[in-house]
Amino acid sequence: MQKTIALPAVGYVRLPQLLKIFPISKSAWWEGCRSGVFPKPVKLGPRTSAWRVGDIRALMERINTASIAYD
């Protein structure tokens, strides 16, 4: 049984929550951000980064659309 990860309707999500949705390593996620595959983070503080929920939903839609094209 797969556990469903719920995103808030609006706001920001932090990296630990994202890595539950996208099962990759932290370094792979950050490399994807640098290369433009994943959305850029928003700095909330000197050592705090988060991602806009809208950007993550758009990424999920893009991934779903790409996977449907290959089915």
Foldseek 3Di string as FASTA:
>chain_A
DDDDQDDDPWDWAFDVSVCSVPVDDPVVVVVCCVVVLAPHWDDPDPPGTTHIPVRVVVSVVVVVVVVVVVD
